[in-house]
Each structure stands twice: as structure tokens, then as C-alpha cells.
Amino acid sequence: MIRRAYALIFFSIIFFVLSCILSTPRETFEMAKAQNLNVLSVIGGNGGMSAILYLAPFIAILGMTKSFLGISMPVAETFNVLAADLFKIKGNSQIKRIKLIISVLMFIVTSLVVYLNPDVINMIETVCGPLIAIFLFIIPTWLIFTRPALKPLRGLTSLMVMVCGILTVSALLYSMF
């Protein structure tokens, strides 16, 4: 069931992104980036699309909810596991306390981001890029080399993925400064 849900989410996102990219000229994207506008605002502002004016809030809320849940839940779980491993936490009461602390920290960070309303595109480039590289490349290979159960996966390929992840993060950090 979960695989079907993920497949539906994936294909709906791909369909939406491709339809937006293929139906909008490059100059419009450049203008939207300069004005920090989202795709729905750009499409709705082109005129002649009154249906978008009514559907845009629903699509935006659905998309934001799906994105938030799809990102926040795995990030929270990853931080819970990393914190439990880092502080050698075993008991249920301590694990619940770590989960509460991480949930509060994520709420504070999310609230700050909402309050400050930064430029979304620049935020994705500067923050999400390195985080994605860390979560996709570095953490999995770090786990492969530190967990005995994953020892069969160790090898040149895992090492290469780790090196590529470190290079990606360093290139993104270098471009920030």
C-alpha cells in the first residue's frame, strides 16, 4: 500500500513539474525567480486561466502538505536515530525525550523559516542542496561502514558514493562563500 502511495505521489509531482516546465517559457521562470513567485502564481497571472485561480489554493495546500510530511517525517526519524546513537540512548523514556526535543527544534526552525519568509529558490540552493547530498550520499555510506549488519555492502562503490557526497557538499559550500 505504501509503495502505491509513493508511486502516486512521485508520478503526480513529475506530471505537475513537467507540465509546468513544458508550458512556460524560460523568461517567465527567470522573472518568477527574480520576484520569488511560485509556479501557480505565474500560471494564474498569465490571464485566461480562471480555473487556476480557484484550484491554485487547493493545489498549493495539497502540495505543501505533501512536501512537508514527505520531508519532515524522515528527517525527524533520522535525527532521532542519530541522536539515540550519538548519546547511546536505550530506554524508552530517554527515546521519548529525544523525540520531543527534536520535534520542538524542528517546530522552532520551521516557525523561523515561515516568519522570515526567505527567498525560496536561494534557500533550496544553499540549504537543501547540501542536506540532500548529506542524506543521499554521506549518511547511507557512513551507516554501511559503521554497522556490522551492513558489512556485505562495503566496497569500492560505497567508498565512491561517500567521496562523491563529500565533493558535492564541499562544492555547494564553496559556492556559498
C-alpha atoms as a PDB file:
ATOM      1  CA  MET A   1       0.000   0.000   0.000  1.00  0.00           C
ATOM      2  CA  ILE A   2       2.800   2.420   0.889  1.00  0.00           C
ATOM      3  CA  ARG A   3       4.550   1.682  -2.410  1.00  0.00           C
ATOM      4  CA  ARG A   4       1.396   2.630  -4.295  1.00  0.00           C
ATOM      5  CA  ALA A   5       1.080   5.847  -2.305  1.00  0.00           C
ATOM      6  CA  TYR A   6       4.707   6.753  -3.016  1.00  0.00           C
ATOM      7  CA  ALA A   7       4.252   5.896  -6.689  1.00  0.00           C
ATOM      8  CA  LEU A   8       1.160   8.116  -6.904  1.00  0.00           C
ATOM      9  CA  ILE A   9       2.974  10.960  -5.155  1.00  0.00           C
ATOM     10  CA  PHE A  10       6.007  10.563  -7.418  1.00  0.00           C
ATOM     11  CA  PHE A  11       4.028  10.487 -10.658  1.00  0.00           C
ATOM     12  CA  SER A  12       1.783  13.384  -9.645  1.00  0.00           C
ATOM     13  CA  ILE A  13       4.841  15.500  -8.859  1.00  0.00           C
ATOM     14  CA  ILE A  14       6.590  14.531 -12.093  1.00  0.00           C
ATOM     15  CA  PHE A  15       3.438  15.237 -14.119  1.00  0.00           C
ATOM     16  CA  PHE A  16       2.947  18.626 -12.464  1.00  0.00           C
ATOM     17  CA  VAL A  17       6.587  19.666 -12.807  1.00  0.00           C
ATOM     18  CA  LEU A  18       6.903  18.548 -16.422  1.00  0.00           C
ATOM     19  CA  SER A  19       3.621  20.168 -17.428  1.00  0.00           C
ATOM     20  CA  CYS A  20       4.696  23.446 -15.807  1.00  0.00           C
ATOM     21  CA  ILE A  21       8.154  23.357 -17.373  1.00  0.00           C
ATOM     22  CA  LEU A  22       6.929  22.463 -20.840  1.00  0.00           C
ATOM     23  CA  SER A  23       4.129  25.047 -20.858  1.00  0.00           C
ATOM     24  CA  THR A  24       6.087  28.034 -19.547  1.00  0.00           C
ATOM     25  CA  PRO A  25       8.805  29.968 -21.401  1.00  0.00           C
ATOM     26  CA  ARG A  26      12.257  30.359 -19.842  1.00  0.00           C
ATOM     27  CA  GLU A  27      11.885  34.141 -19.494  1.00  0.00           C
ATOM     28  CA  THR A  28       8.827  33.618 -17.318  1.00  0.00           C
ATOM     29  CA  PHE A  29      10.809  31.366 -14.965  1.00  0.00           C
ATOM     30  CA  GLU A  30      13.586  33.960 -14.748  1.00  0.00           C
ATOM     31  CA  MET A  31      11.045  36.674 -13.921  1.00  0.00           C
ATOM     32  CA  ALA A  32       9.385  34.434 -11.314  1.00  0.00           C
ATOM     33  CA  LYS A  33      12.739  33.660  -9.694  1.00  0.00           C
ATOM     34  CA  ALA A  34      13.601  37.361  -9.531  1.00  0.00           C
ATOM     35  CA  GLN A  35      10.237  38.111  -7.883  1.00  0.00           C
ATOM     36  CA  ASN A  36      10.263  34.996  -5.635  1.00  0.00           C
ATOM     37  CA  LEU A  37       6.982  33.721  -7.108  1.00  0.00           C
ATOM     38  CA  ASN A  38       5.788  30.140  -7.196  1.00  0.00           C
ATOM     39  CA  VAL A  39       4.634  28.358 -10.339  1.00  0.00           C
ATOM     40  CA  LEU A  40       0.932  28.636  -9.507  1.00  0.00           C
ATOM     41  CA  SER A  41       1.215  32.421  -9.204  1.00  0.00           C
ATOM     42  CA  VAL A  42       2.984  32.586 -12.555  1.00  0.00           C
ATOM     43  CA  ILE A  43       0.441  30.366 -14.308  1.00  0.00           C
ATOM     44  CA  GLY A  44      -2.511  32.177 -12.727  1.00  0.00           C
ATOM     45  CA  GLY A  45      -1.053  35.575 -13.607  1.00  0.00           C
ATOM     46  CA  ASN A  46      -0.809  34.821 -17.329  1.00  0.00           C
ATOM     47  CA  GLY A  47      -4.530  35.547 -17.802  1.00  0.00           C
ATOM     48  CA  GLY A  48      -7.187  33.435 -19.412  1.00  0.00           C
ATOM     49  CA  MET A  49      -6.861  30.703 -16.780  1.00  0.00           C
ATOM     50  CA  SER A  50      -9.665  31.473 -14.360  1.00  0.00           C
ATOM     51  CA  ALA A  51      -9.910  27.816 -13.284  1.00  0.00           C
ATOM     52  CA  ILE A  52      -6.376  28.057 -11.884  1.00  0.00           C
ATOM     53  CA  LEU A  53      -7.487  30.937  -9.654  1.00  0.00           C
ATOM     54  CA  TYR A  54      -9.935  28.591  -7.937  1.00  0.00           C
ATOM     55  CA  LEU A  55      -7.784  25.461  -7.983  1.00  0.00           C
ATOM     56  CA  ALA A  56      -4.458  27.102  -7.057  1.00  0.00           C
ATOM     57  CA  PRO A  57      -5.086  27.347  -3.289  1.00  0.00           C
ATOM     58  CA  PHE A  58      -6.141  23.687  -3.120  1.00  0.00           C
ATOM     59  CA  ILE A  59      -3.167  22.571  -5.237  1.00  0.00           C
ATOM     60  CA  ALA A  60      -0.772  24.709  -3.187  1.00  0.00           C
ATOM     61  CA  ILE A  61      -2.056  23.453   0.172  1.00  0.00           C
ATOM     62  CA  LEU A  62      -2.012  19.844  -1.018  1.00  0.00           C
ATOM     63  CA  GLY A  63       1.493  20.231  -2.438  1.00  0.00           C
ATOM     64  CA  MET A  64       2.864  21.952   0.662  1.00  0.00           C
ATOM     65  CA  THR A  65       1.299  19.382   2.978  1.00  0.00           C
ATOM     66  CA  LYS A  66       2.633  16.505   0.907  1.00  0.00           C
ATOM     67  CA  SER A  67       6.093  18.066   0.719  1.00  0.00           C
ATOM     68  CA  PHE A  68       6.182  18.916   4.410  1.00  0.00           C
ATOM     69  CA  LEU A  69       5.121  15.450   5.521  1.00  0.00           C
ATOM     70  CA  GLY A  70       7.372  13.775   2.972  1.00  0.00           C
ATOM     71  CA  ILE A  71      10.376  15.695   4.264  1.00  0.00           C
ATOM     72  CA  SER A  72       9.725  16.320   7.951  1.00  0.00           C
ATOM     73  CA  MET A  73       8.855  12.775   8.961  1.00  0.00           C
ATOM     74  CA  PRO A  74      12.001  11.132   7.525  1.00  0.00           C
ATOM     75  CA  VAL A  75      14.194  13.993   8.787  1.00  0.00           C
ATOM     76  CA  ALA A  76      12.741  13.691  12.289  1.00  0.00           C
ATOM     77  CA  GLU A  77      13.207   9.929  12.283  1.00  0.00           C
ATOM     78  CA  THR A  78      16.780  10.253  11.006  1.00  0.00           C
ATOM     79  CA  PHE A  79      17.654  12.794  13.697  1.00  0.00           C
ATOM     80  CA  ASN A  80      16.012  10.572  16.331  1.00  0.00           C
ATOM     81  CA  VAL A  81      18.148   7.598  15.312  1.00  0.00           C
ATOM     82  CA  LEU A  82      21.332   9.686  15.034  1.00  0.00           C
ATOM     83  CA  ALA A  83      20.747  11.314  18.435  1.00  0.00           C
ATOM     84  CA  ALA A  84      19.980   7.956  20.048  1.00  0.00           C
ATOM     85  CA  ASP A  85      23.179   6.510  18.570  1.00  0.00           C
ATOM     86  CA  LEU A  86      25.271   9.567  19.442  1.00  0.00           C
ATOM     87  CA  PHE A  87      24.139   9.713  23.075  1.00  0.00           C
ATOM     88  CA  LYS A  88      23.915   5.892  23.468  1.00  0.00           C
ATOM     89  CA  ILE A  89      20.245   6.059  24.429  1.00  0.00           C
ATOM     90  CA  LYS A  90      18.470   2.754  25.012  1.00  0.00           C
ATOM     91  CA  GLY A  91      15.478   3.323  27.320  1.00  0.00           C
ATOM     92  CA  ASN A  92      12.010   4.215  26.076  1.00  0.00           C
ATOM     93  CA  SER A  93      11.731   7.279  28.338  1.00  0.00           C
ATOM     94  CA  GLN A  94      15.010   8.694  27.013  1.00  0.00           C
ATOM     95  CA  ILE A  95      13.991   7.972  23.405  1.00  0.00           C
ATOM     96  CA  LYS A  96      10.673   9.764  24.000  1.00  0.00           C
ATOM     97  CA  ARG A  97      12.569  12.739  25.432  1.00  0.00           C
ATOM     98  CA  ILE A  98      14.891  12.863  22.385  1.00  0.00           C
ATOM     99  CA  LYS A  99      11.869  12.687  20.057  1.00  0.00           C
ATOM    100  CA  LEU A 100      10.233  15.548  21.954  1.00  0.00           C
ATOM    101  CA  ILE A 101      13.394  17.680  21.820  1.00  0.00           C
ATOM    102  CA  ILE A 102      13.818  17.052  18.092  1.00  0.00           C
ATOM    103  CA  SER A 103      10.139  17.806  17.443  1.00  0.00           C
ATOM    104  CA  VAL A 104      10.416  21.093  19.349  1.00  0.00           C
ATOM    105  CA  LEU A 105      13.619  22.021  17.485  1.00  0.00           C
ATOM    106  CA  MET A 106      12.006  21.229  14.132  1.00  0.00           C
ATOM    107  CA  PHE A 107       8.955  23.307  15.102  1.00  0.00           C
ATOM    108  CA  ILE A 108      11.165  26.255  16.064  1.00  0.00           C
ATOM    109  CA  VAL A 109      13.198  26.055  12.859  1.00  0.00           C
ATOM    110  CA  THR A 110      10.044  25.716  10.743  1.00  0.00           C
ATOM    111  CA  SER A 111       8.430  28.675  12.534  1.00  0.00           C
ATOM    112  CA  LEU A 112      11.534  30.813  11.988  1.00  0.00           C
ATOM    113  CA  VAL A 113      11.600  29.970   8.297  1.00  0.00           C
ATOM    114  CA  VAL A 114       7.906  30.820   7.955  1.00  0.00           C
ATOM    115  CA  TYR A 115       8.348  34.086   9.878  1.00  0.00           C
ATOM    116  CA  LEU A 116      11.469  35.210   7.994  1.00  0.00           C
ATOM    117  CA  ASN A 117       9.993  34.187   4.603  1.00  0.00           C
ATOM    118  CA  PRO A 118      13.349  33.825   2.826  1.00  0.00           C
ATOM    119  CA  ASP A 119      13.814  33.592  -0.927  1.00  0.00           C
ATOM    120  CA  VAL A 120      12.725  30.011  -1.551  1.00  0.00           C
ATOM    121  CA  ILE A 121      14.923  29.343  -4.576  1.00  0.00           C
ATOM    122  CA  ASN A 122      18.073  30.586  -2.834  1.00  0.00           C
ATOM    123  CA  MET A 123      17.139  28.639   0.281  1.00  0.00           C
ATOM    124  CA  ILE A 124      16.792  25.444  -1.724  1.00  0.00           C
ATOM    125  CA  GLU A 125      20.147  26.087  -3.392  1.00  0.00           C
ATOM    126  CA  THR A 126      22.024  26.916  -0.192  1.00  0.00           C
ATOM    127  CA  VAL A 127      20.372  24.732   2.439  1.00  0.00           C
ATOM    128  CA  CYS A 128      18.554  21.878   0.751  1.00  0.00           C
ATOM    129  CA  GLY A 129      21.303  21.093  -1.745  1.00  0.00           C
ATOM    130  CA  PRO A 130      23.898  20.179   0.889  1.00  0.00           C
ATOM    131  CA  LEU A 131      21.291  18.453   3.062  1.00  0.00           C
ATOM    132  CA  ILE A 132      20.098  16.316   0.167  1.00  0.00           C
ATOM    133  CA  ALA A 133      23.695  15.375  -0.615  1.00  0.00           C
ATOM    134  CA  ILE A 134      24.293  14.512   3.041  1.00  0.00           C
ATOM    135  CA  PHE A 135      21.140  12.398   3.329  1.00  0.00           C
ATOM    136  CA  LEU A 136      21.515  10.651  -0.030  1.00  0.00           C
ATOM    137  CA  PHE A 137      25.265  10.098  -0.178  1.00  0.00           C
ATOM    138  CA  ILE A 138      27.063  10.557   3.125  1.00  0.00           C
ATOM    139  CA  ILE A 139      24.711   9.157   5.795  1.00  0.00           C
ATOM    140  CA  PRO A 140      23.909   5.880   3.985  1.00  0.00           C
ATOM    141  CA  THR A 141      27.573   5.143   3.296  1.00  0.00           C
ATOM    142  CA  TRP A 142      28.540   6.172   6.821  1.00  0.00           C
ATOM    143  CA  LEU A 143      26.000   3.639   8.091  1.00  0.00           C
ATOM    144  CA  ILE A 144      27.383   0.995   5.732  1.00  0.00           C
ATOM    145  CA  PHE A 145      30.863   1.458   7.184  1.00  0.00           C
ATOM    146  CA  THR A 146      29.776   1.691  10.836  1.00  0.00           C
ATOM    147  CA  ARG A 147      27.104  -1.016  11.100  1.00  0.00           C
ATOM    148  CA  PRO A 148      28.225  -4.643  11.219  1.00  0.00           C
ATOM    149  CA  ALA A 149      24.952  -5.814   9.643  1.00  0.00           C
ATOM    150  CA  LEU A 150      25.735  -3.764   6.522  1.00  0.00           C
ATOM    151  CA  LYS A 151      29.289  -5.098   6.147  1.00  0.00           C
ATOM    152  CA  PRO A 152      28.467  -7.011   2.913  1.00  0.00           C
ATOM    153  CA  LEU A 153      27.688  -3.671   1.236  1.00  0.00           C
ATOM    154  CA  ARG A 154      31.147  -2.250   1.911  1.00  0.00           C
ATOM    155  CA  GLY A 155      33.360  -1.845  -1.078  1.00  0.00           C
ATOM    156  CA  LEU A 156      34.675   0.478  -3.723  1.00  0.00           C
ATOM    157  CA  THR A 157      31.186   1.533  -4.811  1.00  0.00           C
ATOM    158  CA  SER A 158      30.226   2.619  -1.292  1.00  0.00           C
ATOM    159  CA  LEU A 159      33.501   4.468  -0.915  1.00  0.00           C
ATOM    160  CA  MET A 160      32.934   6.201  -4.263  1.00  0.00           C
ATOM    161  CA  VAL A 161      29.437   7.270  -3.190  1.00  0.00           C
ATOM    162  CA  MET A 162      30.913   8.712   0.024  1.00  0.00           C
ATOM    163  CA  VAL A 163      33.608  10.614  -1.893  1.00  0.00           C
ATOM    164  CA  CYS A 164      31.022  11.973  -4.359  1.00  0.00           C
ATOM    165  CA  GLY A 165      28.822  13.075  -1.460  1.00  0.00           C
ATOM    166  CA  ILE A 166      31.700  14.873   0.232  1.00  0.00           C
ATOM    167  CA  LEU A 167      32.666  16.537  -3.058  1.00  0.00           C
ATOM    168  CA  THR A 168      29.066  17.599  -3.664  1.00  0.00           C
ATOM    169  CA  VAL A 169      28.701  19.113  -0.206  1.00  0.00           C
ATOM    170  CA  SER A 170      32.079  20.853  -0.441  1.00  0.00           C
ATOM    171  CA  ALA A 171      31.220  22.290  -3.879  1.00  0.00           C
ATOM    172  CA  LEU A 172      27.885  23.574  -2.589  1.00  0.00           C
ATOM    173  CA  LEU A 173      29.513  25.075   0.499  1.00  0.00           C
ATOM    174  CA  TYR A 174      32.264  26.620  -1.651  1.00  0.00           C
ATOM    175  CA  SER A 175      29.666  28.247  -3.912  1.00  0.00           C
ATOM    176  CA  MET A 176      28.025  29.835  -0.859  1.00  0.00           C
ATOM    177  CA  PHE A 177      31.176  31.729   0.101  1.00  0.00           C
END
